[in-house]
Amino acid sequence: MNFQDLEAAINYGKAAVESISDNHSQRARWLNNLGNSFCRRYERTRNLQDLEAAINYAVKQAAISYAVAAVEATSEDHSDRARWLNILGIRSDLKAAIRRAEAVVQATPRGSL
């Protein structure tokens, strides 16, 4: 990939990430792609800002993937489900966060707070 193509990939990747909602099913994938593009540019330029951007997008992608996997792997009656739903809600848009906050309340056993 030539440098101009790499620049275009970063610009399109930023536009894609900015245009989709925080709870979009493909958000983690696009964050990963954008982080990889910044990593490739860092390998060529050794610009630390590119490395920082690559790490930042990788962390965001991993956080989303981890939270989704944790919610999916936790049974509805498990005591940790409320915590995982809360973490996932923090990483979502407002409507999804409200729905997840409601789920947190329902998943929290009475008298446990």
PDB file of N, CA and C in Angstrom:
ATOM      1  N   MET A   1       0.852  -1.171   0.000  1.00  0.00           N
ATOM      2  CA  MET A   1       0.000   0.000   0.000  1.00  0.00           C
ATOM      3  C   MET A   1       0.897   1.233   0.000  1.00  0.00           C
ATOM      4  N   ASN A   2       0.653   2.131  -0.959  1.00  0.00           N
ATOM      5  CA  ASN A   2       1.456   3.353  -0.973  1.00  0.00           C
ATOM      6  C   ASN A   2       0.942   4.331   0.089  1.00  0.00           C
ATOM      7  N   PHE A   3       1.723   5.353   0.337  1.00  0.00           N
ATOM      8  CA  PHE A   3       1.414   6.273   1.429  1.00  0.00           C
ATOM      9  C   PHE A   3       0.096   7.010   1.197  1.00  0.00           C
ATOM     10  N   GLN A   4      -0.197   7.379  -0.040  1.00  0.00           N
ATOM     11  CA  GLN A   4      -1.459   8.069  -0.340  1.00  0.00           C
ATOM     12  C   GLN A   4      -2.656   7.159  -0.057  1.00  0.00           C
ATOM     13  N   ASP A   5      -2.529   5.882  -0.387  1.00  0.00           N
ATOM     14  CA  ASP A   5      -3.602   4.936  -0.086  1.00  0.00           C
ATOM     15  C   ASP A   5      -3.792   4.783   1.420  1.00  0.00           C
ATOM     16  N   LEU A   6      -2.688   4.797   2.141  1.00  0.00           N
ATOM     17  CA  LEU A   6      -2.752   4.687   3.591  1.00  0.00           C
ATOM     18  C   LEU A   6      -3.447   5.910   4.193  1.00  0.00           C
ATOM     19  N   GLU A   7      -3.111   7.092   3.699  1.00  0.00           N
ATOM     20  CA  GLU A   7      -3.770   8.318   4.157  1.00  0.00           C
ATOM     21  C   GLU A   7      -5.269   8.259   3.871  1.00  0.00           C
ATOM     22  N   ALA A   8      -5.621   7.780   2.687  1.00  0.00           N
ATOM     23  CA  ALA A   8      -7.037   7.658   2.325  1.00  0.00           C
ATOM     24  C   ALA A   8      -7.739   6.660   3.246  1.00  0.00           C
ATOM     25  N   ALA A   9      -7.076   5.551   3.550  1.00  0.00           N
ATOM     26  CA  ALA A   9      -7.661   4.547   4.443  1.00  0.00           C
ATOM     27  C   ALA A   9      -7.930   5.139   5.823  1.00  0.00           C
ATOM     28  N   ILE A  10      -7.017   5.949   6.320  1.00  0.00           N
ATOM     29  CA  ILE A  10      -7.203   6.589   7.624  1.00  0.00           C
ATOM     30  C   ILE A  10      -8.365   7.579   7.560  1.00  0.00           C
ATOM     31  N   ASN A  11      -8.418   8.386   6.518  1.00  0.00           N
ATOM     32  CA  ASN A  11      -9.503   9.363   6.392  1.00  0.00           C
ATOM     33  C   ASN A  11     -10.857   8.682   6.273  1.00  0.00           C
ATOM     34  N   TYR A  12     -10.948   7.647   5.441  1.00  0.00           N
ATOM     35  CA  TYR A  12     -12.212   6.917   5.310  1.00  0.00           C
ATOM     36  C   TYR A  12     -12.556   6.178   6.599  1.00  0.00           C
ATOM     37  N   GLY A  13     -11.541   5.650   7.261  1.00  0.00           N
ATOM     38  CA  GLY A  13     -11.777   4.959   8.532  1.00  0.00           C
ATOM     39  C   GLY A  13     -12.318   5.889   9.591  1.00  0.00           C
ATOM     40  N   LYS A  14     -11.756   7.087   9.688  1.00  0.00           N
ATOM     41  CA  LYS A  14     -12.258   8.082  10.640  1.00  0.00           C
ATOM     42  C   LYS A  14     -13.704   8.430  10.323  1.00  0.00           C
ATOM     43  N   ALA A  15     -13.982   8.648   9.044  1.00  0.00           N
ATOM     44  CA  ALA A  15     -15.351   8.991   8.637  1.00  0.00           C
ATOM     45  C   ALA A  15     -16.318   7.860   8.982  1.00  0.00           C
ATOM     46  N   ALA A  16     -15.896   6.619   8.787  1.00  0.00           N
ATOM     47  CA  ALA A  16     -16.757   5.482   9.092  1.00  0.00           C
ATOM     48  C   ALA A  16     -17.046   5.409  10.588  1.00  0.00           C
ATOM     49  N   VAL A  17     -16.012   5.557  11.404  1.00  0.00           N
ATOM     50  CA  VAL A  17     -16.182   5.477  12.856  1.00  0.00           C
ATOM     51  C   VAL A  17     -17.065   6.621  13.351  1.00  0.00           C
ATOM     52  N   GLU A  18     -16.881   7.807  12.788  1.00  0.00           N
ATOM     53  CA  GLU A  18     -17.678   8.957  13.209  1.00  0.00           C
ATOM     54  C   GLU A  18     -19.128   8.868  12.745  1.00  0.00           C
ATOM     55  N   SER A  19     -19.383   8.124  11.668  1.00  0.00           N
ATOM     56  CA  SER A  19     -20.733   8.093  11.107  1.00  0.00           C
ATOM     57  C   SER A  19     -21.629   7.007  11.689  1.00  0.00           C
ATOM     58  N   ILE A  20     -21.050   6.040  12.402  1.00  0.00           N
ATOM     59  CA  ILE A  20     -21.886   4.971  12.964  1.00  0.00           C
ATOM     60  C   ILE A  20     -22.081   5.187  14.459  1.00  0.00           C
ATOM     61  N   SER A  21     -23.182   4.695  14.960  1.00  0.00           N
ATOM     62  CA  SER A  21     -23.488   4.882  16.377  1.00  0.00           C
ATOM     63  C   SER A  21     -22.543   4.058  17.250  1.00  0.00           C
ATOM     64  N   ASP A  22     -22.464   4.450  18.498  1.00  0.00           N
ATOM     65  CA  ASP A  22     -21.576   3.761  19.434  1.00  0.00           C
ATOM     66  C   ASP A  22     -21.973   2.306  19.657  1.00  0.00           C
ATOM     67  N   ASN A  23     -23.248   1.987  19.441  1.00  0.00           N
ATOM     68  CA  ASN A  23     -23.684   0.608  19.670  1.00  0.00           C
ATOM     69  C   ASN A  23     -23.877  -0.166  18.371  1.00  0.00           C
ATOM     70  N   HIS A  24     -23.349   0.346  17.277  1.00  0.00           N
ATOM     71  CA  HIS A  24     -23.455  -0.351  15.987  1.00  0.00           C
ATOM     72  C   HIS A  24     -22.701  -1.679  16.061  1.00  0.00           C
ATOM     73  N   SER A  25     -23.278  -2.705  15.471  1.00  0.00           N
ATOM     74  CA  SER A  25     -22.681  -4.041  15.568  1.00  0.00           C
ATOM     75  C   SER A  25     -21.299  -4.134  14.924  1.00  0.00           C
ATOM     76  N   GLN A  26     -20.974  -3.237  14.004  1.00  0.00           N
ATOM     77  CA  GLN A  26     -19.684  -3.277  13.325  1.00  0.00           C
ATOM     78  C   GLN A  26     -18.682  -2.241  13.871  1.00  0.00           C
ATOM     79  N   ARG A  27     -19.052  -1.515  14.923  1.00  0.00           N
ATOM     80  CA  ARG A  27     -18.173  -0.457  15.442  1.00  0.00           C
ATOM     81  C   ARG A  27     -16.801  -1.003  15.847  1.00  0.00           C
ATOM     82  N   ALA A  28     -16.771  -2.100  16.564  1.00  0.00           N
ATOM     83  CA  ALA A  28     -15.490  -2.665  17.000  1.00  0.00           C
ATOM     84  C   ALA A  28     -14.621  -3.010  15.796  1.00  0.00           C
ATOM     85  N   ARG A  29     -15.235  -3.527  14.752  1.00  0.00           N
ATOM     86  CA  ARG A  29     -14.488  -3.872  13.532  1.00  0.00           C
ATOM     87  C   ARG A  29     -13.867  -2.633  12.891  1.00  0.00           C
ATOM     88  N   TRP A  30     -14.651  -1.561  12.790  1.00  0.00           N
ATOM     89  CA  TRP A  30     -14.130  -0.334  12.177  1.00  0.00           C
ATOM     90  C   TRP A  30     -13.056   0.316  13.042  1.00  0.00           C
ATOM     91  N   LEU A  31     -13.219   0.264  14.367  1.00  0.00           N
ATOM     92  CA  LEU A  31     -12.173   0.775  15.257  1.00  0.00           C
ATOM     93  C   LEU A  31     -10.879  -0.013  15.069  1.00  0.00           C
ATOM     94  N   ASN A  32     -11.007  -1.319  14.946  1.00  0.00           N
ATOM     95  CA  ASN A  32      -9.844  -2.169  14.727  1.00  0.00           C
ATOM     96  C   ASN A  32      -9.155  -1.817  13.406  1.00  0.00           C
ATOM     97  N   ASN A  33      -9.933  -1.666  12.337  1.00  0.00           N
ATOM     98  CA  ASN A  33      -9.357  -1.314  11.033  1.00  0.00           C
ATOM     99  C   ASN A  33      -8.634   0.021  11.091  1.00  0.00           C
ATOM    100  N   LEU A  34      -9.261   1.003  11.745  1.00  0.00           N
ATOM    101  CA  LEU A  34      -8.637   2.325  11.843  1.00  0.00           C
ATOM    102  C   LEU A  34      -7.358   2.258  12.666  1.00  0.00           C
ATOM    103  N   GLY A  35      -7.387   1.530  13.757  1.00  0.00           N
ATOM    104  CA  GLY A  35      -6.172   1.361  14.563  1.00  0.00           C
ATOM    105  C   GLY A  35      -5.056   0.705  13.776  1.00  0.00           C
ATOM    106  N   ASN A  36      -5.401  -0.296  12.966  1.00  0.00           N
ATOM    107  CA  ASN A  36      -4.390  -0.951  12.127  1.00  0.00           C
ATOM    108  C   ASN A  36      -3.795   0.007  11.106  1.00  0.00           C
ATOM    109  N   SER A  37      -4.623   0.878  10.543  1.00  0.00           N
ATOM    110  CA  SER A  37      -4.120   1.855   9.573  1.00  0.00           C
ATOM    111  C   SER A  37      -3.143   2.822  10.228  1.00  0.00           C
ATOM    112  N   PHE A  38      -3.474   3.287  11.436  1.00  0.00           N
ATOM    113  CA  PHE A  38      -2.549   4.168  12.151  1.00  0.00           C
ATOM    114  C   PHE A  38      -1.254   3.434  12.489  1.00  0.00           C
ATOM    115  N   CYS A  39      -1.353   2.167  12.829  1.00  0.00           N
ATOM    116  CA  CYS A  39      -0.164   1.370  13.130  1.00  0.00           C
ATOM    117  C   CYS A  39       0.737   1.260  11.899  1.00  0.00           C
ATOM    118  N   ARG A  40       0.128   1.011  10.747  1.00  0.00           N
ATOM    119  CA  ARG A  40       0.920   0.933   9.504  1.00  0.00           C
ATOM    120  C   ARG A  40       1.606   2.264   9.199  1.00  0.00           C
ATOM    121  N   ARG A  41       0.869   3.365   9.433  1.00  0.00           N
ATOM    122  CA  ARG A  41       1.479   4.675   9.175  1.00  0.00           C
ATOM    123  C   ARG A  41       2.611   4.930  10.159  1.00  0.00           C
ATOM    124  N   TYR A  42       2.437   4.528  11.423  1.00  0.00           N
ATOM    125  CA  TYR A  42       3.526   4.681  12.391  1.00  0.00           C
ATOM    126  C   TYR A  42       4.761   3.897  11.955  1.00  0.00           C
ATOM    127  N   GLU A  43       4.563   2.697  11.438  1.00  0.00           N
ATOM    128  CA  GLU A  43       5.695   1.888  10.987  1.00  0.00           C
ATOM    129  C   GLU A  43       6.493   2.593   9.902  1.00  0.00           C
ATOM    130  N   ARG A  44       5.832   3.429   9.125  1.00  0.00           N
ATOM    131  CA  ARG A  44       6.525   4.163   8.059  1.00  0.00           C
ATOM    132  C   ARG A  44       7.115   5.485   8.531  1.00  0.00           C
ATOM    133  N   THR A  45       6.380   6.189   9.392  1.00  0.00           N
ATOM    134  CA  THR A  45       6.790   7.555   9.753  1.00  0.00           C
ATOM    135  C   THR A  45       7.493   7.653  11.095  1.00  0.00           C
ATOM    136  N   ARG A  46       7.246   6.678  11.973  1.00  0.00           N
ATOM    137  CA  ARG A  46       7.741   6.698  13.360  1.00  0.00           C
ATOM    138  C   ARG A  46       7.215   7.914  14.127  1.00  0.00           C
ATOM    139  N   ASN A  47       6.074   8.439  13.681  1.00  0.00           N
ATOM    140  CA  ASN A  47       5.415   9.544  14.361  1.00  0.00           C
ATOM    141  C   ASN A  47       4.663   8.971  15.561  1.00  0.00           C
ATOM    142  N   LEU A  48       5.027   9.409  16.762  1.00  0.00           N
ATOM    143  CA  LEU A  48       4.423   8.862  17.973  1.00  0.00           C
ATOM    144  C   LEU A  48       2.927   9.140  18.073  1.00  0.00           C
ATOM    145  N   GLN A  49       2.452  10.208  17.429  1.00  0.00           N
ATOM    146  CA  GLN A  49       1.010  10.481  17.439  1.00  0.00           C
ATOM    147  C   GLN A  49       0.244   9.362  16.725  1.00  0.00           C
ATOM    148  N   ASP A  50       0.834   8.806  15.677  1.00  0.00           N
ATOM    149  CA  ASP A  50       0.203   7.682  14.992  1.00  0.00           C
ATOM    150  C   ASP A  50       0.167   6.451  15.889  1.00  0.00           C
ATOM    151  N   LEU A  51       1.231   6.211  16.621  1.00  0.00           N
ATOM    152  CA  LEU A  51       1.268   5.074  17.542  1.00  0.00           C
ATOM    153  C   LEU A  51       0.230   5.256  18.642  1.00  0.00           C
ATOM    154  N   GLU A  52       0.133   6.466  19.184  1.00  0.00           N
ATOM    155  CA  GLU A  52      -0.859   6.745  20.221  1.00  0.00           C
ATOM    156  C   GLU A  52      -2.275   6.541  19.690  1.00  0.00           C
ATOM    157  N   ALA A  53      -2.534   6.990  18.463  1.00  0.00           N
ATOM    158  CA  ALA A  53      -3.860   6.805  17.860  1.00  0.00           C
ATOM    159  C   ALA A  53      -4.143   5.319  17.668  1.00  0.00           C
ATOM    160  N   ALA A  54      -3.164   4.565  17.206  1.00  0.00           N
ATOM    161  CA  ALA A  54      -3.342   3.125  17.005  1.00  0.00           C
ATOM    162  C   ALA A  54      -3.703   2.449  18.320  1.00  0.00           C
ATOM    163  N   ILE A  55      -3.005   2.794  19.374  1.00  0.00           N
ATOM    164  CA  ILE A  55      -3.280   2.214  20.692  1.00  0.00           C
ATOM    165  C   ILE A  55      -4.658   2.633  21.181  1.00  0.00           C
ATOM    166  N   ASN A  56      -5.004   3.904  21.014  1.00  0.00           N
ATOM    167  CA  ASN A  56      -6.300   4.416  21.452  1.00  0.00           C
ATOM    168  C   ASN A  56      -7.453   3.660  20.781  1.00  0.00           C
ATOM    169  N   TYR A  57      -7.368   3.479  19.464  1.00  0.00           N
ATOM    170  CA  TYR A  57      -8.436   2.763  18.753  1.00  0.00           C
ATOM    171  C   TYR A  57      -8.461   1.286  19.136  1.00  0.00           C
ATOM    172  N   ALA A  58      -7.310   0.699  19.370  1.00  0.00           N
ATOM    173  CA  ALA A  58      -7.252  -0.705  19.776  1.00  0.00           C
ATOM    174  C   ALA A  58      -7.901  -0.894  21.149  1.00  0.00           C
ATOM    175  N   VAL A  59      -7.651   0.034  22.058  1.00  0.00           N
ATOM    176  CA  VAL A  59      -8.239  -0.050  23.395  1.00  0.00           C
ATOM    177  C   VAL A  59      -9.757   0.087  23.319  1.00  0.00           C
ATOM    178  N   LYS A  60     -10.241   1.032  22.508  1.00  0.00           N
ATOM    179  CA  LYS A  60     -11.690   1.199  22.352  1.00  0.00           C
ATOM    180  C   LYS A  60     -12.320  -0.061  21.768  1.00  0.00           C
ATOM    181  N   GLN A  61     -11.678  -0.617  20.755  1.00  0.00           N
ATOM    182  CA  GLN A  61     -12.193  -1.833  20.114  1.00  0.00           C
ATOM    183  C   GLN A  61     -12.225  -2.982  21.110  1.00  0.00           C
ATOM    184  N   ALA A  62     -11.158  -3.142  21.860  1.00  0.00           N
ATOM    185  CA  ALA A  62     -11.082  -4.243  22.820  1.00  0.00           C
ATOM    186  C   ALA A  62     -12.120  -4.083  23.924  1.00  0.00           C
ATOM    187  N   ALA A  63     -12.341  -2.857  24.374  1.00  0.00           N
ATOM    188  CA  ALA A  63     -13.314  -2.619  25.439  1.00  0.00           C
ATOM    189  C   ALA A  63     -14.717  -2.993  24.993  1.00  0.00           C
ATOM    190  N   ILE A  64     -15.070  -2.618  23.772  1.00  0.00           N
ATOM    191  CA  ILE A  64     -16.399  -2.961  23.251  1.00  0.00           C
ATOM    192  C   ILE A  64     -16.526  -4.470  23.116  1.00  0.00           C
ATOM    193  N   SER A  65     -15.545  -5.097  22.488  1.00  0.00           N
ATOM    194  CA  SER A  65     -15.598  -6.541  22.266  1.00  0.00           C
ATOM    195  C   SER A  65     -15.661  -7.302  23.586  1.00  0.00           C
ATOM    196  N   TYR A  66     -14.880  -6.869  24.554  1.00  0.00           N
ATOM    197  CA  TYR A  66     -14.842  -7.527  25.858  1.00  0.00           C
ATOM    198  C   TYR A  66     -16.182  -7.396  26.571  1.00  0.00           C
ATOM    199  N   ALA A  67     -16.754  -6.188  26.566  1.00  0.00           N
ATOM    200  CA  ALA A  67     -18.024  -5.965  27.258  1.00  0.00           C
ATOM    201  C   ALA A  67     -19.154  -6.768  26.615  1.00  0.00           C
ATOM    202  N   VAL A  68     -19.208  -6.785  25.297  1.00  0.00           N
ATOM    203  CA  VAL A  68     -20.244  -7.554  24.594  1.00  0.00           C
ATOM    204  C   VAL A  68     -20.092  -9.037  24.908  1.00  0.00           C
ATOM    205  N   ALA A  69     -18.867  -9.539  24.836  1.00  0.00           N
ATOM    206  CA  ALA A  69     -18.628 -10.959  25.115  1.00  0.00           C
ATOM    207  C   ALA A  69     -18.995 -11.297  26.559  1.00  0.00           C
ATOM    208  N   ALA A  70     -18.688 -10.409  27.471  1.00  0.00           N
ATOM    209  CA  ALA A  70     -18.993 -10.659  28.881  1.00  0.00           C
ATOM    210  C   ALA A  70     -20.496 -10.736  29.111  1.00  0.00           C
ATOM    211  N   VAL A  71     -21.247  -9.808  28.509  1.00  0.00           N
ATOM    212  CA  VAL A  71     -22.710  -9.839  28.663  1.00  0.00           C
ATOM    213  C   VAL A  71     -23.278 -11.117  28.058  1.00  0.00           C
ATOM    214  N   GLU A  72     -22.812 -11.453  26.873  1.00  0.00           N
ATOM    215  CA  GLU A  72     -23.332 -12.652  26.195  1.00  0.00           C
ATOM    216  C   GLU A  72     -22.998 -13.938  26.942  1.00  0.00           C
ATOM    217  N   ALA A  73     -21.884 -13.947  27.656  1.00  0.00           N
ATOM    218  CA  ALA A  73     -21.453 -15.160  28.348  1.00  0.00           C
ATOM    219  C   ALA A  73     -22.025 -15.291  29.754  1.00  0.00           C
ATOM    220  N   THR A  74     -22.663 -14.235  30.241  1.00  0.00           N
ATOM    221  CA  THR A  74     -23.168 -14.241  31.616  1.00  0.00           C
ATOM    222  C   THR A  74     -24.669 -14.518  31.612  1.00  0.00           C
ATOM    223  N   SER A  75     -25.084 -15.527  32.368  1.00  0.00           N
ATOM    224  CA  SER A  75     -26.510 -15.867  32.417  1.00  0.00           C
ATOM    225  C   SER A  75     -27.302 -14.722  33.047  1.00  0.00           C
ATOM    226  N   GLU A  76     -28.586 -14.671  32.718  1.00  0.00           N
ATOM    227  CA  GLU A  76     -29.429 -13.570  33.189  1.00  0.00           C
ATOM    228  C   GLU A  76     -29.557 -13.533  34.705  1.00  0.00           C
ATOM    229  N   ASP A  77     -29.385 -14.648  35.377  1.00  0.00           N
ATOM    230  CA  ASP A  77     -29.527 -14.677  36.832  1.00  0.00           C
ATOM    231  C   ASP A  77     -28.187 -14.575  37.571  1.00  0.00           C
ATOM    232  N   HIS A  78     -27.095 -14.383  36.833  1.00  0.00           N
ATOM    233  CA  HIS A  78     -25.768 -14.302  37.463  1.00  0.00           C
ATOM    234  C   HIS A  78     -25.581 -12.935  38.112  1.00  0.00           C
ATOM    235  N   SER A  79     -24.918 -12.906  39.264  1.00  0.00           N
ATOM    236  CA  SER A  79     -24.732 -11.655  40.006  1.00  0.00           C
ATOM    237  C   SER A  79     -23.850 -10.637  39.276  1.00  0.00           C
ATOM    238  N   ASP A  80     -23.000 -11.071  38.339  1.00  0.00           N
ATOM    239  CA  ASP A  80     -22.139 -10.134  37.606  1.00  0.00           C
ATOM    240  C   ASP A  80     -22.807  -9.516  36.380  1.00  0.00           C
ATOM    241  N   ARG A  81     -23.972 -10.015  36.007  1.00  0.00           N
ATOM    242  CA  ARG A  81     -24.618  -9.525  34.784  1.00  0.00           C
ATOM    243  C   ARG A  81     -24.890  -8.021  34.846  1.00  0.00           C
ATOM    244  N   ALA A  82     -25.327  -7.527  35.991  1.00  0.00           N
ATOM    245  CA  ALA A  82     -25.596  -6.094  36.125  1.00  0.00           C
ATOM    246  C   ALA A  82     -24.327  -5.276  35.870  1.00  0.00           C
ATOM    247  N   ARG A  83     -23.217  -5.741  36.385  1.00  0.00           N
ATOM    248  CA  ARG A  83     -21.945  -5.016  36.181  1.00  0.00           C
ATOM    249  C   ARG A  83     -21.566  -4.984  34.707  1.00  0.00           C
ATOM    250  N   TRP A  84     -21.676  -6.128  34.013  1.00  0.00           N
ATOM    251  CA  TRP A  84     -21.313  -6.165  32.590  1.00  0.00           C
ATOM    252  C   TRP A  84     -22.245  -5.309  31.743  1.00  0.00           C
ATOM    253  N   LEU A  85     -23.529  -5.341  32.062  1.00  0.00           N
ATOM    254  CA  LEU A  85     -24.480  -4.499  31.334  1.00  0.00           C
ATOM    255  C   LEU A  85     -24.165  -3.020  31.547  1.00  0.00           C
ATOM    256  N   ASN A  86     -23.767  -2.669  32.750  1.00  0.00           N
ATOM    257  CA  ASN A  86     -23.408  -1.290  33.043  1.00  0.00           C
ATOM    258  C   ASN A  86     -22.184  -0.864  32.240  1.00  0.00           C
ATOM    259  N   ILE A  87     -21.170  -1.692  32.205  1.00  0.00           N
ATOM    260  CA  ILE A  87     -19.955  -1.376  31.435  1.00  0.00           C
ATOM    261  C   ILE A  87     -20.290  -1.214  29.962  1.00  0.00           C
ATOM    262  N   LEU A  88     -21.102  -2.114  29.437  1.00  0.00           N
ATOM    263  CA  LEU A  88     -21.497  -2.026  28.037  1.00  0.00           C
ATOM    264  C   LEU A  88     -22.334  -0.774  27.801  1.00  0.00           C
ATOM    265  N   GLY A  89     -23.195  -0.433  28.736  1.00  0.00           N
ATOM    266  CA  GLY A  89     -24.025   0.762  28.606  1.00  0.00           C
ATOM    267  C   GLY A  89     -23.207   2.034  28.533  1.00  0.00           C
ATOM    268  N   ILE A  90     -22.108   2.081  29.242  1.00  0.00           N
ATOM    269  CA  ILE A  90     -21.231   3.247  29.220  1.00  0.00           C
ATOM    270  C   ILE A  90     -20.657   3.460  27.826  1.00  0.00           C
ATOM    271  N   ARG A  91     -20.513   2.378  27.065  1.00  0.00           N
ATOM    272  CA  ARG A  91     -19.898   2.458  25.746  1.00  0.00           C
ATOM    273  C   ARG A  91     -20.931   2.557  24.618  1.00  0.00           C
ATOM    274  N   SER A  92     -22.164   2.864  24.943  1.00  0.00           N
ATOM    275  CA  SER A  92     -23.216   2.889  23.940  1.00  0.00           C
ATOM    276  C   SER A  92     -23.839   4.271  23.840  1.00  0.00           C
ATOM    277  N   ASP A  93     -24.698   4.431  22.868  1.00  0.00           N
ATOM    278  CA  ASP A  93     -25.389   5.710  22.747  1.00  0.00           C
ATOM    279  C   ASP A  93     -26.426   5.844  23.860  1.00  0.00           C
ATOM    280  N   LEU A  94     -27.038   7.009  23.973  1.00  0.00           N
ATOM    281  CA  LEU A  94     -27.905   7.317  25.096  1.00  0.00           C
ATOM    282  C   LEU A  94     -29.099   6.377  25.202  1.00  0.00           C
ATOM    283  N   LYS A  95     -29.805   6.125  24.095  1.00  0.00           N
ATOM    284  CA  LYS A  95     -30.972   5.238  24.161  1.00  0.00           C
ATOM    285  C   LYS A  95     -30.573   3.836  24.604  1.00  0.00           C
ATOM    286  N   ALA A  96     -29.496   3.336  24.036  1.00  0.00           N
ATOM    287  CA  ALA A  96     -29.027   2.005  24.427  1.00  0.00           C
ATOM    288  C   ALA A  96     -28.566   2.015  25.876  1.00  0.00           C
ATOM    289  N   ALA A  97     -27.931   3.109  26.316  1.00  0.00           N
ATOM    290  CA  ALA A  97     -27.481   3.201  27.707  1.00  0.00           C
ATOM    291  C   ALA A  97     -28.669   3.172  28.657  1.00  0.00           C
ATOM    292  N   ILE A  98     -29.750   3.844  28.296  1.00  0.00           N
ATOM    293  CA  ILE A  98     -30.943   3.838  29.142  1.00  0.00           C
ATOM    294  C   ILE A  98     -31.527   2.426  29.218  1.00  0.00           C
ATOM    295  N   ARG A  99     -31.622   1.757  28.067  1.00  0.00           N
ATOM    296  CA  ARG A  99     -32.138   0.378  28.061  1.00  0.00           C
ATOM    297  C   ARG A  99     -31.263  -0.520  28.924  1.00  0.00           C
ATOM    298  N   ARG A 100     -29.958  -0.361  28.806  1.00  0.00           N
ATOM    299  CA  ARG A 100     -29.058  -1.203  29.591  1.00  0.00           C
ATOM    300  C   ARG A 100     -29.102  -0.845  31.072  1.00  0.00           C
ATOM    301  N   ALA A 101     -29.289   0.447  31.375  1.00  0.00           N
ATOM    302  CA  ALA A 101     -29.409   0.842  32.780  1.00  0.00           C
ATOM    303  C   ALA A 101     -30.648   0.210  33.390  1.00  0.00           C
ATOM    304  N   GLU A 102     -31.731   0.173  32.626  1.00  0.00           N
ATOM    305  CA  GLU A 102     -32.942  -0.502  33.096  1.00  0.00           C
ATOM    306  C   GLU A 102     -32.667  -1.990  33.321  1.00  0.00           C
ATOM    307  N   ALA A 103     -31.899  -2.596  32.419  1.00  0.00           N
ATOM    308  CA  ALA A 103     -31.548  -4.010  32.563  1.00  0.00           C
ATOM    309  C   ALA A 103     -30.665  -4.225  33.789  1.00  0.00           C
ATOM    310  N   VAL A 104     -29.785  -3.256  34.078  1.00  0.00           N
ATOM    311  CA  VAL A 104     -28.936  -3.345  35.268  1.00  0.00           C
ATOM    312  C   VAL A 104     -29.811  -3.389  36.515  1.00  0.00           C
ATOM    313  N   VAL A 105     -30.787  -2.497  36.572  1.00  0.00           N
ATOM    314  CA  VAL A 105     -31.678  -2.468  37.727  1.00  0.00           C
ATOM    315  C   VAL A 105     -32.406  -3.801  37.874  1.00  0.00           C
ATOM    316  N   GLN A 106     -32.910  -4.326  36.772  1.00  0.00           N
ATOM    317  CA  GLN A 106     -33.644  -5.588  36.835  1.00  0.00           C
ATOM    318  C   GLN A 106     -32.730  -6.765  37.189  1.00  0.00           C
ATOM    319  N   ALA A 107     -31.450  -6.699  36.793  1.00  0.00           N
ATOM    320  CA  ALA A 107     -30.513  -7.793  37.042  1.00  0.00           C
ATOM    321  C   ALA A 107     -29.923  -7.747  38.450  1.00  0.00           C
ATOM    322  N   THR A 108     -30.099  -6.616  39.146  1.00  0.00           N
ATOM    323  CA  THR A 108     -29.545  -6.468  40.477  1.00  0.00           C
ATOM    324  C   THR A 108     -30.507  -7.062  41.502  1.00  0.00           C
ATOM    325  N   PRO A 109     -30.045  -8.041  42.295  1.00  0.00           N
ATOM    326  CA  PRO A 109     -30.922  -8.662  43.285  1.00  0.00           C
ATOM    327  C   PRO A 109     -31.396  -7.644  44.323  1.00  0.00           C
ATOM    328  N   ARG A 110     -32.650  -7.752  44.716  1.00  0.00           N
ATOM    329  CA  ARG A 110     -33.208  -6.843  45.756  1.00  0.00           C
ATOM    330  C   ARG A 110     -32.384  -6.950  47.043  1.00  0.00           C
ATOM    331  N   GLY A 111     -32.142  -5.801  47.629  1.00  0.00           N
ATOM    332  CA  GLY A 111     -31.429  -5.768  48.885  1.00  0.00           C
ATOM    333  C   GLY A 111     -29.921  -5.907  48.765  1.00  0.00           C
ATOM    334  N   SER A 112     -29.408  -5.947  47.550  1.00  0.00           N
ATOM    335  CA  SER A 112     -27.944  -6.133  47.388  1.00  0.00           C
ATOM    336  C   SER A 112     -27.185  -4.814  47.369  1.00  0.00           C
ATOM    337  N   LEU A 113     -27.893  -3.707  47.308  1.00  0.00           N
ATOM    338  CA  LEU A 113     -27.211  -2.405  47.259  1.00  0.00           C
ATOM    339  C   LEU A 113     -27.073  -1.794  48.623  1.00  0.00           C
TER     340      LEU A 113
END
